[in-house]
N, C-alpha and C. Protein backbone atom coordinates (compact mmCIF):
# COMPACT_ATOMS: atom_id res chain seq x y z
N MET A 1 1.11 -6.27 -51.40
CA MET A 1 1.67 -5.09 -52.04
C MET A 1 0.81 -3.87 -51.70
N GLU A 2 1.45 -2.80 -51.34
CA GLU A 2 0.76 -1.54 -51.00
C GLU A 2 0.27 -0.86 -52.29
N PRO A 3 -0.92 -0.28 -52.26
CA PRO A 3 -1.39 0.45 -53.44
C PRO A 3 -0.53 1.69 -53.68
N ILE A 4 -0.32 2.03 -54.94
CA ILE A 4 0.49 3.22 -55.25
C ILE A 4 -0.37 4.48 -55.32
N LEU A 5 -1.66 4.32 -55.50
CA LEU A 5 -2.59 5.45 -55.49
C LEU A 5 -3.63 5.21 -54.40
N LEU A 6 -3.86 6.23 -53.59
CA LEU A 6 -4.78 6.11 -52.47
C LEU A 6 -5.99 7.01 -52.65
N SER A 7 -7.12 6.56 -52.16
CA SER A 7 -8.31 7.41 -52.14
C SER A 7 -8.09 8.52 -51.11
N VAL A 8 -8.92 9.53 -51.15
CA VAL A 8 -8.81 10.64 -50.19
C VAL A 8 -8.94 10.13 -48.75
N PRO A 9 -9.95 9.32 -48.42
CA PRO A 9 -10.03 8.83 -47.04
C PRO A 9 -8.80 8.01 -46.61
N ASP A 10 -8.28 7.18 -47.52
CA ASP A 10 -7.09 6.40 -47.19
C ASP A 10 -5.87 7.29 -47.00
N ALA A 11 -5.72 8.30 -47.84
CA ALA A 11 -4.60 9.23 -47.71
C ALA A 11 -4.68 9.99 -46.38
N CYS A 12 -5.88 10.36 -45.97
CA CYS A 12 -6.06 11.03 -44.68
C CYS A 12 -5.59 10.14 -43.54
N ARG A 13 -5.93 8.86 -43.62
CA ARG A 13 -5.50 7.92 -42.57
C ARG A 13 -3.99 7.76 -42.58
N VAL A 14 -3.38 7.70 -43.75
CA VAL A 14 -1.93 7.49 -43.85
C VAL A 14 -1.17 8.64 -43.21
N ILE A 15 -1.58 9.88 -43.47
CA ILE A 15 -0.83 11.00 -42.89
C ILE A 15 -1.47 11.54 -41.62
N GLY A 16 -2.58 10.94 -41.21
CA GLY A 16 -3.18 11.29 -39.93
C GLY A 16 -3.75 12.70 -39.88
N THR A 17 -4.47 13.05 -40.93
CA THR A 17 -5.06 14.38 -40.97
C THR A 17 -6.51 14.32 -41.42
N SER A 18 -7.17 15.42 -41.36
CA SER A 18 -8.57 15.48 -41.79
C SER A 18 -8.65 15.67 -43.30
N ARG A 19 -9.82 15.44 -43.82
CA ARG A 19 -10.07 15.62 -45.25
C ARG A 19 -9.84 17.09 -45.66
N SER A 20 -10.30 18.01 -44.82
CA SER A 20 -10.15 19.43 -45.18
C SER A 20 -8.68 19.84 -45.21
N VAL A 21 -7.87 19.35 -44.27
CA VAL A 21 -6.44 19.68 -44.29
C VAL A 21 -5.77 19.06 -45.51
N LEU A 22 -6.16 17.84 -45.86
CA LEU A 22 -5.59 17.21 -47.05
C LEU A 22 -5.89 18.06 -48.29
N TYR A 23 -7.12 18.53 -48.40
CA TYR A 23 -7.47 19.37 -49.56
C TYR A 23 -6.73 20.70 -49.54
N GLU A 24 -6.43 21.22 -48.36
CA GLU A 24 -5.62 22.44 -48.27
C GLU A 24 -4.19 22.17 -48.77
N LEU A 25 -3.65 21.02 -48.42
CA LEU A 25 -2.32 20.64 -48.91
C LEU A 25 -2.32 20.48 -50.42
N ILE A 26 -3.37 19.91 -50.95
CA ILE A 26 -3.50 19.75 -52.40
C ILE A 26 -3.58 21.13 -53.06
N ALA A 27 -4.40 22.02 -52.52
CA ALA A 27 -4.55 23.37 -53.08
C ALA A 27 -3.23 24.14 -53.01
N ALA A 28 -2.43 23.87 -51.96
CA ALA A 28 -1.14 24.56 -51.80
C ALA A 28 -0.05 23.94 -52.68
N GLY A 29 -0.37 22.85 -53.37
CA GLY A 29 0.61 22.21 -54.24
C GLY A 29 1.60 21.32 -53.52
N LYS A 30 1.33 21.00 -52.27
CA LYS A 30 2.24 20.15 -51.50
C LYS A 30 2.03 18.67 -51.80
N ILE A 31 0.83 18.32 -52.21
CA ILE A 31 0.48 16.95 -52.56
C ILE A 31 -0.30 17.00 -53.88
N THR A 32 0.05 16.11 -54.80
CA THR A 32 -0.63 16.10 -56.10
C THR A 32 -1.74 15.04 -56.11
N THR A 33 -2.62 15.18 -57.07
CA THR A 33 -3.71 14.22 -57.24
C THR A 33 -3.74 13.73 -58.67
N ARG A 34 -4.42 12.63 -58.84
CA ARG A 34 -4.72 12.08 -60.15
C ARG A 34 -6.22 11.79 -60.16
N LYS A 35 -6.82 11.87 -61.31
CA LYS A 35 -8.25 11.55 -61.43
C LYS A 35 -8.39 10.24 -62.21
N LEU A 36 -9.27 9.39 -61.73
CA LEU A 36 -9.64 8.17 -62.43
C LEU A 36 -11.16 8.21 -62.49
N GLY A 37 -11.67 8.68 -63.63
CA GLY A 37 -13.09 8.95 -63.71
C GLY A 37 -13.41 10.11 -62.79
N ARG A 38 -14.32 9.89 -61.85
CA ARG A 38 -14.68 10.95 -60.89
C ARG A 38 -13.90 10.83 -59.59
N LYS A 39 -13.14 9.76 -59.45
CA LYS A 39 -12.44 9.50 -58.19
C LYS A 39 -11.10 10.25 -58.15
N THR A 40 -10.84 10.89 -57.02
CA THR A 40 -9.56 11.58 -56.79
C THR A 40 -8.63 10.62 -56.08
N LEU A 41 -7.44 10.45 -56.62
CA LEU A 41 -6.44 9.55 -56.05
C LEU A 41 -5.16 10.33 -55.75
N ILE A 42 -4.47 9.91 -54.71
CA ILE A 42 -3.23 10.58 -54.29
C ILE A 42 -2.10 9.56 -54.36
N PRO A 43 -1.01 9.90 -55.05
CA PRO A 43 0.13 8.98 -55.10
C PRO A 43 0.74 8.79 -53.71
N ARG A 44 0.93 7.53 -53.32
CA ARG A 44 1.53 7.22 -52.02
C ARG A 44 2.88 7.91 -51.87
N GLU A 45 3.65 7.96 -52.94
CA GLU A 45 4.98 8.58 -52.88
C GLU A 45 4.89 10.06 -52.49
N ASP A 46 3.84 10.75 -52.92
CA ASP A 46 3.66 12.15 -52.53
C ASP A 46 3.46 12.27 -51.01
N LEU A 47 2.73 11.32 -50.44
CA LEU A 47 2.50 11.35 -49.00
C LEU A 47 3.78 11.07 -48.23
N VAL A 48 4.57 10.13 -48.74
CA VAL A 48 5.86 9.82 -48.10
C VAL A 48 6.79 11.02 -48.19
N THR A 49 6.86 11.65 -49.35
CA THR A 49 7.70 12.83 -49.53
C THR A 49 7.26 13.96 -48.61
N PHE A 50 5.96 14.20 -48.55
CA PHE A 50 5.44 15.25 -47.68
C PHE A 50 5.80 14.98 -46.22
N ALA A 51 5.58 13.75 -45.77
CA ALA A 51 5.86 13.39 -44.38
C ALA A 51 7.35 13.53 -44.07
N THR A 52 8.21 13.16 -45.00
CA THR A 52 9.65 13.29 -44.81
C THR A 52 10.05 14.75 -44.68
N ARG A 53 9.52 15.59 -45.53
CA ARG A 53 9.82 17.02 -45.46
C ARG A 53 9.30 17.62 -44.16
N LEU A 54 8.13 17.19 -43.75
CA LEU A 54 7.54 17.69 -42.52
C LEU A 54 8.39 17.28 -41.31
N ALA A 55 8.88 16.05 -41.33
CA ALA A 55 9.70 15.55 -40.22
C ALA A 55 11.01 16.32 -40.09
N ARG A 56 11.53 16.82 -41.20
CA ARG A 56 12.78 17.58 -41.18
C ARG A 56 12.60 18.99 -40.66
N GLY A 57 11.37 19.49 -40.72
CA GLY A 57 11.11 20.87 -40.29
C GLY A 57 11.11 21.00 -38.78
N ARG A 58 11.35 22.20 -38.33
CA ARG A 58 11.35 22.47 -36.90
C ARG A 58 10.06 23.15 -36.45
N VAL A 59 9.25 23.55 -37.41
CA VAL A 59 7.98 24.20 -37.11
C VAL A 59 6.88 23.18 -37.29
N THR A 60 5.89 23.20 -36.44
CA THR A 60 4.80 22.24 -36.55
C THR A 60 4.02 22.47 -37.85
N PHE A 61 3.39 21.41 -38.30
CA PHE A 61 2.62 21.50 -39.53
C PHE A 61 1.52 22.54 -39.41
N ALA A 62 0.83 22.53 -38.29
CA ALA A 62 -0.28 23.49 -38.11
C ALA A 62 0.22 24.92 -38.20
N ALA A 63 1.38 25.20 -37.61
CA ALA A 63 1.94 26.56 -37.66
C ALA A 63 2.35 26.91 -39.09
N ARG A 64 2.94 25.96 -39.80
CA ARG A 64 3.34 26.22 -41.19
C ARG A 64 2.11 26.47 -42.06
N LEU A 65 1.06 25.66 -41.86
CA LEU A 65 -0.14 25.82 -42.66
C LEU A 65 -0.78 27.18 -42.39
N ALA A 66 -0.85 27.57 -41.14
CA ALA A 66 -1.42 28.87 -40.79
C ALA A 66 -0.60 30.00 -41.40
N ALA A 67 0.72 29.90 -41.35
CA ALA A 67 1.59 30.92 -41.93
C ALA A 67 1.43 30.95 -43.45
N ALA A 68 1.31 29.78 -44.07
CA ALA A 68 1.15 29.72 -45.52
C ALA A 68 -0.16 30.37 -45.94
N LYS A 69 -1.21 30.15 -45.16
CA LYS A 69 -2.51 30.75 -45.47
C LYS A 69 -2.44 32.27 -45.43
N ARG A 70 -1.59 32.78 -44.58
CA ARG A 70 -1.45 34.23 -44.45
C ARG A 70 -0.39 34.80 -45.40
N GLY A 71 0.21 33.92 -46.22
CA GLY A 71 1.23 34.37 -47.16
C GLY A 71 2.54 34.72 -46.50
N LEU A 72 2.82 34.15 -45.33
CA LEU A 72 4.03 34.48 -44.60
C LEU A 72 5.21 33.59 -44.92
N LEU A 73 4.97 32.50 -45.67
CA LEU A 73 6.06 31.61 -46.05
C LEU A 73 6.40 31.85 -47.51
N PRO A 74 7.69 31.89 -47.85
CA PRO A 74 8.07 32.05 -49.25
C PRO A 74 7.71 30.80 -50.03
N ASP A 75 7.47 30.95 -51.32
CA ASP A 75 7.22 29.80 -52.18
C ASP A 75 8.54 29.11 -52.39
N ASP A 76 8.66 27.88 -51.89
CA ASP A 76 9.92 27.16 -52.00
C ASP A 76 9.87 26.10 -53.10
N GLY A 77 8.91 26.22 -53.97
CA GLY A 77 8.79 25.28 -55.07
C GLY A 77 8.43 23.88 -54.59
N GLY A 78 7.78 23.78 -53.43
CA GLY A 78 7.39 22.49 -52.91
C GLY A 78 8.47 21.80 -52.11
N ALA A 79 9.55 22.52 -51.77
CA ALA A 79 10.66 21.91 -51.08
C ALA A 79 10.42 21.70 -49.60
N SER A 80 9.33 22.23 -49.04
CA SER A 80 9.10 22.00 -47.60
C SER A 80 7.80 21.30 -47.35
């Protein structure tokens, strides 16, 4: 059975990104976290949802992240 909550390093491996990019996604509200004591955990379902939304987009993730940092993307309520 797959774990439903992943550690930060495991979540990075699942979506194939660096720790800093994962934390940027968390800060942007694209991925949520849970705390268990001092440990930060990420729901697997959030990663699946994020990857699905990313796959539907026509712009690369890096381009979207750069645009979001500059405030060039509208707030879509987490829909992208």
